[in-house]
Amino acid sequence: MTHTAISPHSQHSAYVGRFAPSPSGSLHFGSLVTALASYLDAKHHKGSWLVRMEDIDEPRCVKGADAAILTTLERHHLQWDGDVLYQSRQHPRYQEKVNQLLQQGAAYYCGCTRKQIKAMGGRYNGECRTQNIVDDGHVAVRMKLPNPLMSFDDGMIGHVDAEGEPEDCVIKRRDGLFSYHLVVALDDAYQGVTHIVRGRDLLDVTPLHKTLYAALGCPPVTYCHVPVAAVAAGRKLSKQNHAKPVNNKQVMTNLLQCLQFLGLAKVMPLDSQHYSNPESLISAAISHWDRKLVPNTAEIIVDSNESTYYSQPL
């Protein structure tokens, strides 16, 4: 696997995008759609495209899944720039930030259990902010979020208003694992990420992420949320729902189906006869890419009985 070497701290591009899968299984159609959208947006804007393995929740990771994911990306000619960053290898950097926040008084220990938070109405109310709880090995660490961002502009959807104010964010869990929200913010800043194209299922946590990024002093990023692929209303394709892995032996078909999903049939022919190989198809897609083409909807129903899922005719 040969890719262009990039220093994580270099100002190598005005646009730096990323695809950050969790190695809890192989890529399915929905995750390939997101990867392709992220790649096309980066390359259309002459930017870099990074891949990061979000394996911070190691008990959920499946051995060999990271290699399978990278193989699928390569087979579909989605070539990333620089080295793949693994969150599981970044623990010292994360702990350093947690220690710093605690020392600054920007974070605090919290002993509240899920049962206690449920009794608060399901939302943490800041119970432990002023209690000076000591770390006994069974507490979480929360970061104070005094200036929540209640709205933002999405690169695809437009203006979005948050439904509720973010609560003080858990940055290290009671079980000792660093929280997804913390490490995503730190890694995006570390890698110089400027644009994030991801699934619409993460839209609701975006106000929290933007609030957390600002509180941590991380540079702001532009978010673009694409529809998720779902087999029924409210039931997205996912590894937890045993979605079928992408078939790496039908690359051209997979790419055509993904481009159809993303709305590019409006501006370019999506027929394998028009392209000599997957590279020429992707090159054409980069040229024709426009965020406005992507359907502005939360989900698109696909056919779970199809190996490619997306059953609309090409």
C-alpha atoms as a PDB file:
ATOM      1  CA  MET A   1       0.000   0.000   0.000  1.00  0.00           C
ATOM      2  CA  THR A   2       1.859   3.074  -1.256  1.00  0.00           C
ATOM      3  CA  HIS A   3       0.512   6.522  -0.563  1.00  0.00           C
ATOM      4  CA  THR A   4       1.831  10.066  -0.495  1.00  0.00           C
ATOM      5  CA  ALA A   5       3.614  10.811   2.772  1.00  0.00           C
ATOM      6  CA  ILE A   6       2.194  13.739   4.731  1.00  0.00           C
ATOM      7  CA  SER A   7       3.219  15.154   8.088  1.00  0.00           C
ATOM      8  CA  PRO A   8       0.200  15.449  10.377  1.00  0.00           C
ATOM      9  CA  HIS A   9       1.278  18.938  11.392  1.00  0.00           C
ATOM     10  CA  SER A  10       2.054  20.351   7.949  1.00  0.00           C
ATOM     11  CA  GLN A  11      -0.084  22.970   6.237  1.00  0.00           C
ATOM     12  CA  HIS A  12      -0.139  20.842   3.100  1.00  0.00           C
ATOM     13  CA  SER A  13      -3.508  21.823   1.729  1.00  0.00           C
ATOM     14  CA  ALA A  14      -6.265  24.365   2.149  1.00  0.00           C
ATOM     15  CA  TYR A  15      -8.662  21.420   2.175  1.00  0.00           C
ATOM     16  CA  VAL A  16      -8.045  18.310   4.254  1.00  0.00           C
ATOM     17  CA  GLY A  17     -10.814  15.735   4.353  1.00  0.00           C
ATOM     18  CA  ARG A  18     -10.975  12.415   6.138  1.00  0.00           C
ATOM     19  CA  PHE A  19     -12.786   9.107   6.254  1.00  0.00           C
ATOM     20  CA  ALA A  20     -12.798   7.612   9.739  1.00  0.00           C
ATOM     21  CA  PRO A  21     -14.375   4.148   9.919  1.00  0.00           C
ATOM     22  CA  SER A  22     -14.618   2.014  13.024  1.00  0.00           C
ATOM     23  CA  PRO A  23     -12.951  -1.380  12.430  1.00  0.00           C
ATOM     24  CA  SER A  24     -15.841  -3.319  13.919  1.00  0.00           C
ATOM     25  CA  GLY A  25     -16.471  -5.083  10.617  1.00  0.00           C
ATOM     26  CA  SER A  26     -16.089  -4.762   6.857  1.00  0.00           C
ATOM     27  CA  LEU A  27     -17.413  -1.794   4.904  1.00  0.00           C
ATOM     28  CA  HIS A  28     -21.026  -2.072   3.740  1.00  0.00           C
ATOM     29  CA  PHE A  29     -22.762  -0.124   0.983  1.00  0.00           C
ATOM     30  CA  GLY A  30     -23.653   2.807   3.241  1.00  0.00           C
ATOM     31  CA  SER A  31     -20.095   3.253   4.476  1.00  0.00           C
ATOM     32  CA  LEU A  32     -18.755   3.003   0.916  1.00  0.00           C
ATOM     33  CA  VAL A  33     -21.163   5.787  -0.099  1.00  0.00           C
ATOM     34  CA  THR A  34     -19.794   7.979   2.692  1.00  0.00           C
ATOM     35  CA  ALA A  35     -16.189   7.169   1.814  1.00  0.00           C
ATOM     36  CA  LEU A  36     -16.785   7.987  -1.849  1.00  0.00           C
ATOM     37  CA  ALA A  37     -18.608  11.246  -1.060  1.00  0.00           C
ATOM     38  CA  SER A  38     -15.784  12.302   1.257  1.00  0.00           C
ATOM     39  CA  TYR A  39     -13.163  11.407  -1.346  1.00  0.00           C
ATOM     40  CA  LEU A  40     -14.926  13.181  -4.215  1.00  0.00           C
ATOM     41  CA  ASP A  41     -15.474  16.334  -2.179  1.00  0.00           C
ATOM     42  CA  ALA A  42     -11.797  16.442  -1.210  1.00  0.00           C
ATOM     43  CA  LYS A  43     -10.442  15.785  -4.682  1.00  0.00           C
ATOM     44  CA  HIS A  44     -12.912  18.130  -6.392  1.00  0.00           C
ATOM     45  CA  HIS A  45     -11.545  20.883  -4.141  1.00  0.00           C
ATOM     46  CA  LYS A  46      -7.916  19.869  -4.878  1.00  0.00           C
ATOM     47  CA  GLY A  47      -7.530  18.701  -1.309  1.00  0.00           C
ATOM     48  CA  SER A  48      -5.990  15.839   0.632  1.00  0.00           C
ATOM     49  CA  TRP A  49      -7.978  12.841   1.840  1.00  0.00           C
ATOM     50  CA  LEU A  50      -6.941  11.027   4.999  1.00  0.00           C
ATOM     51  CA  VAL A  51      -8.053   7.724   6.475  1.00  0.00           C
ATOM     52  CA  ARG A  52      -8.233   7.245  10.236  1.00  0.00           C
ATOM     53  CA  MET A  53      -9.163   4.062  12.087  1.00  0.00           C
ATOM     54  CA  GLU A  54     -11.472   4.986  14.943  1.00  0.00           C
ATOM     55  CA  ASP A  55     -10.557   1.998  17.075  1.00  0.00           C
ATOM     56  CA  ILE A  56     -10.671   3.817  20.399  1.00  0.00           C
ATOM     57  CA  ASP A  57     -13.390   1.453  21.655  1.00  0.00           C
ATOM     58  CA  GLU A  58     -11.137  -1.574  21.346  1.00  0.00           C
ATOM     59  CA  PRO A  59     -13.595  -4.149  22.782  1.00  0.00           C
ATOM     60  CA  ARG A  60     -15.876  -3.471  19.789  1.00  0.00           C
ATOM     61  CA  CYS A  61     -13.131  -3.863  17.195  1.00  0.00           C
ATOM     62  CA  VAL A  62     -12.863  -7.006  15.104  1.00  0.00           C
ATOM     63  CA  LYS A  63      -9.447  -8.455  14.373  1.00  0.00           C
ATOM     64  CA  GLY A  64      -8.523  -7.951  10.730  1.00  0.00           C
ATOM     65  CA  ALA A  65     -11.373  -5.506  10.032  1.00  0.00           C
ATOM     66  CA  ASP A  66      -8.975  -2.604   9.531  1.00  0.00           C
ATOM     67  CA  ALA A  67      -7.093  -4.490   6.822  1.00  0.00           C
ATOM     68  CA  ALA A  68     -10.381  -5.472   5.177  1.00  0.00           C
ATOM     69  CA  ILE A  69     -11.530  -1.841   5.157  1.00  0.00           C
ATOM     70  CA  LEU A  70      -8.285  -0.617   3.617  1.00  0.00           C
ATOM     71  CA  THR A  71      -8.420  -3.366   0.995  1.00  0.00           C
ATOM     72  CA  THR A  72     -11.952  -2.340   0.009  1.00  0.00           C
ATOM     73  CA  LEU A  73     -10.910   1.301  -0.304  1.00  0.00           C
ATOM     74  CA  GLU A  74      -7.938   0.367  -2.460  1.00  0.00           C
ATOM     75  CA  ARG A  75      -9.954  -1.985  -4.670  1.00  0.00           C
ATOM     76  CA  HIS A  76     -12.391   0.875  -5.276  1.00  0.00           C
ATOM     77  CA  HIS A  77      -9.492   3.216  -6.112  1.00  0.00           C
ATOM     78  CA  LEU A  78     -10.047   5.490  -3.136  1.00  0.00           C
ATOM     79  CA  GLN A  79      -6.385   6.206  -2.454  1.00  0.00           C
ATOM     80  CA  TRP A  80      -5.691   8.041   0.776  1.00  0.00           C
ATOM     81  CA  ASP A  81      -2.878  10.502   1.458  1.00  0.00           C
ATOM     82  CA  GLY A  82      -0.335   9.963   4.219  1.00  0.00           C
ATOM     83  CA  ASP A  83      -0.312   7.216   6.821  1.00  0.00           C
ATOM     84  CA  VAL A  84      -3.431   5.732   8.367  1.00  0.00           C
ATOM     85  CA  LEU A  85      -3.814   7.011  11.931  1.00  0.00           C
ATOM     86  CA  TYR A  86      -4.971   4.488  14.543  1.00  0.00           C
ATOM     87  CA  GLN A  87      -6.609   5.976  17.623  1.00  0.00           C
ATOM     88  CA  SER A  88      -5.558   2.995  19.727  1.00  0.00           C
ATOM     89  CA  ARG A  89      -1.947   4.170  19.314  1.00  0.00           C
ATOM     90  CA  GLN A  90      -2.625   7.739  20.442  1.00  0.00           C
ATOM     91  CA  HIS A  91      -3.459   7.174  24.130  1.00  0.00           C
ATOM     92  CA  PRO A  92      -0.557   9.237  25.550  1.00  0.00           C
ATOM     93  CA  ARG A  93      -1.651  12.267  23.533  1.00  0.00           C
ATOM     94  CA  TYR A  94      -5.251  11.895  24.700  1.00  0.00           C
ATOM     95  CA  GLN A  95      -4.278  11.445  28.350  1.00  0.00           C
ATOM     96  CA  GLU A  96      -2.025  14.494  28.206  1.00  0.00           C
ATOM     97  CA  LYS A  97      -4.993  16.604  27.112  1.00  0.00           C
ATOM     98  CA  VAL A  98      -7.282  15.149  29.804  1.00  0.00           C
ATOM     99  CA  ASN A  99      -4.670  15.905  32.473  1.00  0.00           C
ATOM    100  CA  GLN A 100      -4.265  19.431  31.147  1.00  0.00           C
ATOM    101  CA  LEU A 101      -8.010  20.091  31.210  1.00  0.00           C
ATOM    102  CA  LEU A 102      -8.292  18.788  34.778  1.00  0.00           C
ATOM    103  CA  GLN A 103      -5.398  20.979  35.907  1.00  0.00           C
ATOM    104  CA  GLN A 104      -6.972  24.022  34.258  1.00  0.00           C
ATOM    105  CA  GLY A 105     -10.320  23.399  35.919  1.00  0.00           C
ATOM    106  CA  ALA A 106     -11.924  22.963  32.500  1.00  0.00           C
ATOM    107  CA  ALA A 107     -12.803  19.346  33.323  1.00  0.00           C
ATOM    108  CA  TYR A 108     -13.840  17.477  36.448  1.00  0.00           C
ATOM    109  CA  TYR A 109     -14.490  13.980  37.773  1.00  0.00           C
ATOM    110  CA  CYS A 110     -18.060  12.759  37.668  1.00  0.00           C
ATOM    111  CA  GLY A 111     -19.386   9.776  39.602  1.00  0.00           C
ATOM    112  CA  CYS A 112     -22.918   9.793  38.201  1.00  0.00           C
ATOM    113  CA  THR A 113     -24.173   6.452  36.930  1.00  0.00           C
ATOM    114  CA  ARG A 114     -26.567   5.914  34.042  1.00  0.00           C
ATOM    115  CA  LYS A 115     -29.298   5.189  36.565  1.00  0.00           C
ATOM    116  CA  GLN A 116     -28.686   8.500  38.312  1.00  0.00           C
ATOM    117  CA  ILE A 117     -28.698  10.404  35.028  1.00  0.00           C
ATOM    118  CA  LYS A 118     -31.927   8.682  34.059  1.00  0.00           C
ATOM    119  CA  ALA A 119     -33.405   9.938  37.321  1.00  0.00           C
ATOM    120  CA  MET A 120     -32.379  13.463  36.280  1.00  0.00           C
ATOM    121  CA  GLY A 121     -34.684  13.097  33.297  1.00  0.00           C
ATOM    122  CA  GLY A 122     -32.175  11.414  31.028  1.00  0.00           C
ATOM    123  CA  ARG A 123     -29.945  14.454  30.782  1.00  0.00           C
ATOM    124  CA  TYR A 124     -26.913  15.177  32.965  1.00  0.00           C
ATOM    125  CA  ASN A 125     -27.556  18.346  35.000  1.00  0.00           C
ATOM    126  CA  GLY A 126     -24.033  19.273  36.107  1.00  0.00           C
ATOM    127  CA  GLU A 127     -24.421  17.495  39.454  1.00  0.00           C
ATOM    128  CA  CYS A 128     -20.680  16.934  39.959  1.00  0.00           C
ATOM    129  CA  ARG A 129     -19.330  20.247  38.671  1.00  0.00           C
ATOM    130  CA  THR A 130     -18.695  21.726  42.120  1.00  0.00           C
ATOM    131  CA  GLN A 131     -18.343  18.615  44.266  1.00  0.00           C
ATOM    132  CA  ASN A 132     -14.563  18.151  43.920  1.00  0.00           C
ATOM    133  CA  ILE A 133     -14.912  14.409  43.413  1.00  0.00           C
ATOM    134  CA  VAL A 134     -11.686  12.428  43.748  1.00  0.00           C
ATOM    135  CA  ASP A 135     -10.612   9.879  41.166  1.00  0.00           C
ATOM    136  CA  ASP A 136     -11.164   6.475  42.772  1.00  0.00           C
ATOM    137  CA  GLY A 137     -10.838   4.545  39.530  1.00  0.00           C
ATOM    138  CA  HIS A 138     -14.602   4.372  39.017  1.00  0.00           C
ATOM    139  CA  VAL A 139     -15.424   7.871  37.831  1.00  0.00           C
ATOM    140  CA  ALA A 140     -15.703   9.549  34.459  1.00  0.00           C
ATOM    141  CA  VAL A 141     -14.126  12.834  33.407  1.00  0.00           C
ATOM    142  CA  ARG A 142     -16.416  15.525  32.020  1.00  0.00           C
ATOM    143  CA  MET A 143     -15.459  18.732  30.252  1.00  0.00           C
ATOM    144  CA  LYS A 144     -17.312  21.945  30.999  1.00  0.00           C
ATOM    145  CA  LEU A 145     -19.075  23.418  27.971  1.00  0.00           C
ATOM    146  CA  PRO A 146     -20.043  26.942  29.077  1.00  0.00           C
ATOM    147  CA  ASN A 147     -20.647  28.338  25.582  1.00  0.00           C
ATOM    148  CA  PRO A 148     -22.719  25.838  23.607  1.00  0.00           C
ATOM    149  CA  LEU A 149     -23.181  26.417  19.888  1.00  0.00           C
ATOM    150  CA  MET A 150     -26.861  26.105  19.118  1.00  0.00           C
ATOM    151  CA  SER A 151     -26.739  26.323  15.322  1.00  0.00           C
ATOM    152  CA  PHE A 152     -24.374  25.803  12.423  1.00  0.00           C
ATOM    153  CA  ASP A 153     -24.238  25.880   8.646  1.00  0.00           C
ATOM    154  CA  ASP A 154     -23.898  22.494   6.981  1.00  0.00           C
ATOM    155  CA  GLY A 155     -22.158  22.361   3.607  1.00  0.00           C
ATOM    156  CA  MET A 156     -24.951  20.268   2.111  1.00  0.00           C
ATOM    157  CA  ILE A 157     -28.046  20.834   4.230  1.00  0.00           C
ATOM    158  CA  GLY A 158     -27.706  24.542   4.957  1.00  0.00           C
ATOM    159  CA  HIS A 159     -28.558  26.144   8.292  1.00  0.00           C
ATOM    160  CA  VAL A 160     -29.204  23.716  11.144  1.00  0.00           C
ATOM    161  CA  ASP A 161     -30.579  24.580  14.586  1.00  0.00           C
ATOM    162  CA  ALA A 162     -29.739  22.316  17.520  1.00  0.00           C
ATOM    163  CA  GLU A 163     -32.679  20.711  19.293  1.00  0.00           C
ATOM    164  CA  GLY A 164     -31.106  20.884  22.737  1.00  0.00           C
ATOM    165  CA  GLU A 165     -28.141  22.417  24.516  1.00  0.00           C
ATOM    166  CA  PRO A 166     -25.117  20.079  24.796  1.00  0.00           C
ATOM    167  CA  GLU A 167     -24.435  18.827  28.322  1.00  0.00           C
ATOM    168  CA  ASP A 168     -20.970  18.732  29.861  1.00  0.00           C
ATOM    169  CA  CYS A 169     -19.242  16.153  27.704  1.00  0.00           C
ATOM    170  CA  VAL A 170     -17.735  12.917  28.986  1.00  0.00           C
ATOM    171  CA  ILE A 171     -14.163  12.893  27.693  1.00  0.00           C
ATOM    172  CA  LYS A 172     -13.008   9.795  29.573  1.00  0.00           C
ATOM    173  CA  ARG A 173     -15.402   7.045  30.521  1.00  0.00           C
ATOM    174  CA  ARG A 174     -15.797   5.264  33.851  1.00  0.00           C
ATOM    175  CA  ASP A 175     -14.218   2.158  32.304  1.00  0.00           C
ATOM    176  CA  GLY A 176     -11.071   4.106  31.453  1.00  0.00           C
ATOM    177  CA  LEU A 177     -11.696   4.427  27.717  1.00  0.00           C
ATOM    178  CA  PHE A 178     -11.378   7.841  26.118  1.00  0.00           C
ATOM    179  CA  SER A 179     -14.624   9.125  24.655  1.00  0.00           C
ATOM    180  CA  TYR A 180     -15.270   9.165  20.937  1.00  0.00           C
ATOM    181  CA  HIS A 181     -16.142  12.865  21.073  1.00  0.00           C
ATOM    182  CA  LEU A 182     -12.818  13.869  22.631  1.00  0.00           C
ATOM    183  CA  VAL A 183     -10.545  11.829  20.404  1.00  0.00           C
ATOM    184  CA  VAL A 184     -12.334  12.869  17.211  1.00  0.00           C
ATOM    185  CA  ALA A 185     -11.803  16.527  18.075  1.00  0.00           C
ATOM    186  CA  LEU A 186      -8.163  16.041  19.040  1.00  0.00           C
ATOM    187  CA  ASP A 187      -7.379  13.938  15.978  1.00  0.00           C
ATOM    188  CA  ASP A 188      -9.059  16.322  13.551  1.00  0.00           C
ATOM    189  CA  ALA A 189      -6.960  19.164  14.963  1.00  0.00           C
ATOM    190  CA  TYR A 190      -3.803  17.011  15.004  1.00  0.00           C
ATOM    191  CA  GLN A 191      -4.266  16.021  11.366  1.00  0.00           C
ATOM    192  CA  GLY A 192      -5.288  19.473  10.197  1.00  0.00           C
ATOM    193  CA  VAL A 193      -8.731  18.360   9.020  1.00  0.00           C
ATOM    194  CA  THR A 194     -10.770  21.205   7.539  1.00  0.00           C
ATOM    195  CA  HIS A 195     -13.784  19.408   6.029  1.00  0.00           C
ATOM    196  CA  ILE A 196     -15.778  16.426   7.264  1.00  0.00           C
ATOM    197  CA  VAL A 197     -18.203  14.594   4.985  1.00  0.00           C
ATOM    198  CA  ARG A 198     -20.117  11.978   6.958  1.00  0.00           C
ATOM    199  CA  GLY A 199     -23.509  10.314   7.342  1.00  0.00           C
ATOM    200  CA  ARG A 200     -26.654  12.187   8.321  1.00  0.00           C
ATOM    201  CA  ASP A 201     -26.984   9.898  11.359  1.00  0.00           C
ATOM    202  CA  LEU A 202     -24.268  12.022  12.989  1.00  0.00           C
ATOM    203  CA  LEU A 203     -26.055  15.314  12.385  1.00  0.00           C
ATOM    204  CA  ASP A 204     -27.486  15.448  15.913  1.00  0.00           C
ATOM    205  CA  VAL A 205     -24.052  15.273  17.581  1.00  0.00           C
ATOM    206  CA  THR A 206     -22.587  18.004  15.377  1.00  0.00           C
ATOM    207  CA  PRO A 207     -23.555  20.890  17.726  1.00  0.00           C
ATOM    208  CA  LEU A 208     -21.763  19.030  20.521  1.00  0.00           C
ATOM    209  CA  HIS A 209     -18.722  18.470  18.318  1.00  0.00           C
ATOM    210  CA  LYS A 210     -18.565  22.111  17.248  1.00  0.00           C
ATOM    211  CA  THR A 211     -18.972  23.223  20.874  1.00  0.00           C
ATOM    212  CA  LEU A 212     -16.261  20.813  22.007  1.00  0.00           C
ATOM    213  CA  TYR A 213     -13.878  21.831  19.202  1.00  0.00           C
ATOM    214  CA  ALA A 214     -14.253  25.483  20.198  1.00  0.00           C
ATOM    215  CA  ALA A 215     -13.779  24.724  23.909  1.00  0.00           C
ATOM    216  CA  LEU A 216     -10.614  22.752  23.136  1.00  0.00           C
ATOM    217  CA  GLY A 217      -9.250  25.534  20.954  1.00  0.00           C
ATOM    218  CA  CYS A 218      -9.385  23.365  17.834  1.00  0.00           C
ATOM    219  CA  PRO A 219      -9.732  25.079  14.445  1.00  0.00           C
ATOM    220  CA  PRO A 220     -13.323  25.052  13.144  1.00  0.00           C
ATOM    221  CA  VAL A 221     -14.225  22.563  10.443  1.00  0.00           C
ATOM    222  CA  THR A 222     -16.891  22.493   7.743  1.00  0.00           C
ATOM    223  CA  TYR A 223     -19.409  19.654   8.055  1.00  0.00           C
ATOM    224  CA  CYS A 224     -21.321  18.066   5.187  1.00  0.00           C
ATOM    225  CA  HIS A 225     -23.859  15.346   5.967  1.00  0.00           C
ATOM    226  CA  VAL A 226     -24.980  12.875   3.302  1.00  0.00           C
ATOM    227  CA  PRO A 227     -28.100  10.682   3.516  1.00  0.00           C
ATOM    228  CA  VAL A 228     -27.707   7.292   5.155  1.00  0.00           C
ATOM    229  CA  ALA A 229     -28.654   4.106   3.341  1.00  0.00           C
ATOM    230  CA  ALA A 230     -31.538   2.374   5.106  1.00  0.00           C
ATOM    231  CA  VAL A 231     -33.416  -0.879   4.508  1.00  0.00           C
ATOM    232  CA  ALA A 232     -36.536   0.616   6.103  1.00  0.00           C
ATOM    233  CA  ALA A 233     -37.521   3.954   7.599  1.00  0.00           C
ATOM    234  CA  GLY A 234     -35.297   4.574  10.599  1.00  0.00           C
ATOM    235  CA  ARG A 235     -33.303   1.364  10.085  1.00  0.00           C
ATOM    236  CA  LYS A 236     -29.985   2.250   8.500  1.00  0.00           C
ATOM    237  CA  LEU A 237     -27.510  -0.223   7.100  1.00  0.00           C
ATOM    238  CA  SER A 238     -24.994  -0.971   9.820  1.00  0.00           C
ATOM    239  CA  LYS A 239     -22.589  -3.610  11.004  1.00  0.00           C
ATOM    240  CA  GLN A 240     -24.775  -4.071  14.067  1.00  0.00           C
ATOM    241  CA  ASN A 241     -27.697  -4.899  11.753  1.00  0.00           C
ATOM    242  CA  HIS A 242     -25.503  -7.392   9.880  1.00  0.00           C
ATOM    243  CA  ALA A 243     -25.351  -5.417   6.646  1.00  0.00           C
ATOM    244  CA  LYS A 244     -23.651  -7.330   3.849  1.00  0.00           C
ATOM    245  CA  PRO A 245     -19.994  -6.487   3.234  1.00  0.00           C
ATOM    246  CA  VAL A 246     -19.109  -4.722   0.000  1.00  0.00           C
ATOM    247  CA  ASN A 247     -18.251  -7.209  -2.745  1.00  0.00           C
ATOM    248  CA  ASN A 248     -14.746  -6.261  -3.902  1.00  0.00           C
ATOM    249  CA  LYS A 249     -15.179  -8.298  -7.085  1.00  0.00           C
ATOM    250  CA  GLN A 250     -17.762  -5.910  -8.552  1.00  0.00           C
ATOM    251  CA  VAL A 251     -15.993  -2.594  -8.147  1.00  0.00           C
ATOM    252  CA  MET A 252     -17.483  -0.873 -11.190  1.00  0.00           C
ATOM    253  CA  THR A 253     -21.031  -1.795 -10.221  1.00  0.00           C
ATOM    254  CA  ASN A 254     -20.483  -0.676  -6.633  1.00  0.00           C
ATOM    255  CA  LEU A 255     -19.127   2.702  -7.698  1.00  0.00           C
ATOM    256  CA  LEU A 256     -21.948   3.267 -10.182  1.00  0.00           C
ATOM    257  CA  GLN A 257     -24.519   2.450  -7.523  1.00  0.00           C
ATOM    258  CA  CYS A 258     -22.866   4.803  -5.020  1.00  0.00           C
ATOM    259  CA  LEU A 259     -22.788   7.621  -7.567  1.00  0.00           C
ATOM    260  CA  GLN A 260     -26.451   7.008  -8.346  1.00  0.00           C
ATOM    261  CA  PHE A 261     -27.208   7.243  -4.617  1.00  0.00           C
ATOM    262  CA  LEU A 262     -25.313  10.553  -4.433  1.00  0.00           C
ATOM    263  CA  GLY A 263     -27.267  12.110  -7.298  1.00  0.00           C
ATOM    264  CA  LEU A 264     -24.590  12.257  -9.977  1.00  0.00           C
ATOM    265  CA  ALA A 265     -26.863  10.622 -12.571  1.00  0.00           C
ATOM    266  CA  LYS A 266     -28.209  14.154 -13.103  1.00  0.00           C
ATOM    267  CA  VAL A 267     -24.926  15.343 -14.613  1.00  0.00           C
ATOM    268  CA  MET A 268     -23.029  12.309 -15.953  1.00  0.00           C
ATOM    269  CA  PRO A 269     -23.867   8.956 -17.541  1.00  0.00           C
ATOM    270  CA  LEU A 270     -23.816   6.113 -15.040  1.00  0.00           C
ATOM    271  CA  ASP A 271     -23.273   3.220 -17.381  1.00  0.00           C
ATOM    272  CA  SER A 272     -20.147   1.077 -17.355  1.00  0.00           C
ATOM    273  CA  GLN A 273     -19.972   1.275 -21.174  1.00  0.00           C
ATOM    274  CA  HIS A 274     -19.012   4.937 -20.910  1.00  0.00           C
ATOM    275  CA  TYR A 275     -15.897   4.236 -18.831  1.00  0.00           C
ATOM    276  CA  SER A 276     -12.882   2.102 -19.613  1.00  0.00           C
ATOM    277  CA  ASN A 277     -12.122   1.364 -15.954  1.00  0.00           C
ATOM    278  CA  PRO A 278     -12.976   2.464 -12.397  1.00  0.00           C
ATOM    279  CA  GLU A 279     -10.265   5.138 -12.479  1.00  0.00           C
ATOM    280  CA  SER A 280     -11.882   6.902 -15.433  1.00  0.00           C
ATOM    281  CA  LEU A 281     -15.270   6.725 -13.695  1.00  0.00           C
ATOM    282  CA  ILE A 282     -13.894   8.288 -10.514  1.00  0.00           C
ATOM    283  CA  SER A 283     -12.048  10.940 -12.517  1.00  0.00           C
ATOM    284  CA  ALA A 284     -15.312  11.923 -14.203  1.00  0.00           C
ATOM    285  CA  ALA A 285     -17.113  11.929 -10.859  1.00  0.00           C
ATOM    286  CA  ILE A 286     -14.485  14.253  -9.362  1.00  0.00           C
ATOM    287  CA  SER A 287     -15.006  16.687 -12.238  1.00  0.00           C
ATOM    288  CA  HIS A 288     -18.803  16.585 -11.960  1.00  0.00           C
ATOM    289  CA  TRP A 289     -19.045  16.550  -8.169  1.00  0.00           C
ATOM    290  CA  ASP A 290     -21.376  19.139  -6.691  1.00  0.00           C
ATOM    291  CA  ARG A 291     -22.746  19.013  -3.145  1.00  0.00           C
ATOM    292  CA  LYS A 292     -26.044  20.392  -4.428  1.00  0.00           C
ATOM    293  CA  LEU A 293     -26.623  17.153  -6.353  1.00  0.00           C
ATOM    294  CA  VAL A 294     -26.769  15.052  -3.189  1.00  0.00           C
ATOM    295  CA  PRO A 295     -30.394  14.462  -2.127  1.00  0.00           C
ATOM    296  CA  ASN A 296     -31.250  16.623   0.874  1.00  0.00           C
ATOM    297  CA  THR A 297     -32.909  13.885   2.878  1.00  0.00           C
ATOM    298  CA  ALA A 298     -32.024  12.015   6.049  1.00  0.00           C
ATOM    299  CA  GLU A 299     -32.099   8.561   4.477  1.00  0.00           C
ATOM    300  CA  ILE A 300     -32.588   6.719   1.216  1.00  0.00           C
ATOM    301  CA  ILE A 301     -34.250   3.318   1.258  1.00  0.00           C
ATOM    302  CA  VAL A 302     -32.211   0.625  -0.468  1.00  0.00           C
ATOM    303  CA  ASP A 303     -32.816  -3.027  -1.219  1.00  0.00           C
ATOM    304  CA  SER A 304     -31.318  -5.320   1.404  1.00  0.00           C
ATOM    305  CA  ASN A 305     -31.743  -8.314  -0.922  1.00  0.00           C
ATOM    306  CA  GLU A 306     -29.406  -6.889  -3.543  1.00  0.00           C
ATOM    307  CA  SER A 307     -25.682  -7.463  -3.267  1.00  0.00           C
ATOM    308  CA  THR A 308     -25.194  -3.797  -4.133  1.00  0.00           C
ATOM    309  CA  TYR A 309     -28.282  -2.751  -2.125  1.00  0.00           C
ATOM    310  CA  TYR A 310     -29.222   0.140  -4.360  1.00  0.00           C
ATOM    311  CA  SER A 311     -31.901  -1.342  -6.620  1.00  0.00           C
ATOM    312  CA  GLN A 312     -32.904   1.617  -8.771  1.00  0.00           C
ATOM    313  CA  PRO A 313     -31.990   0.998 -12.427  1.00  0.00           C
ATOM    314  CA  LEU A 314     -28.810   2.573 -13.724  1.00  0.00           C
END
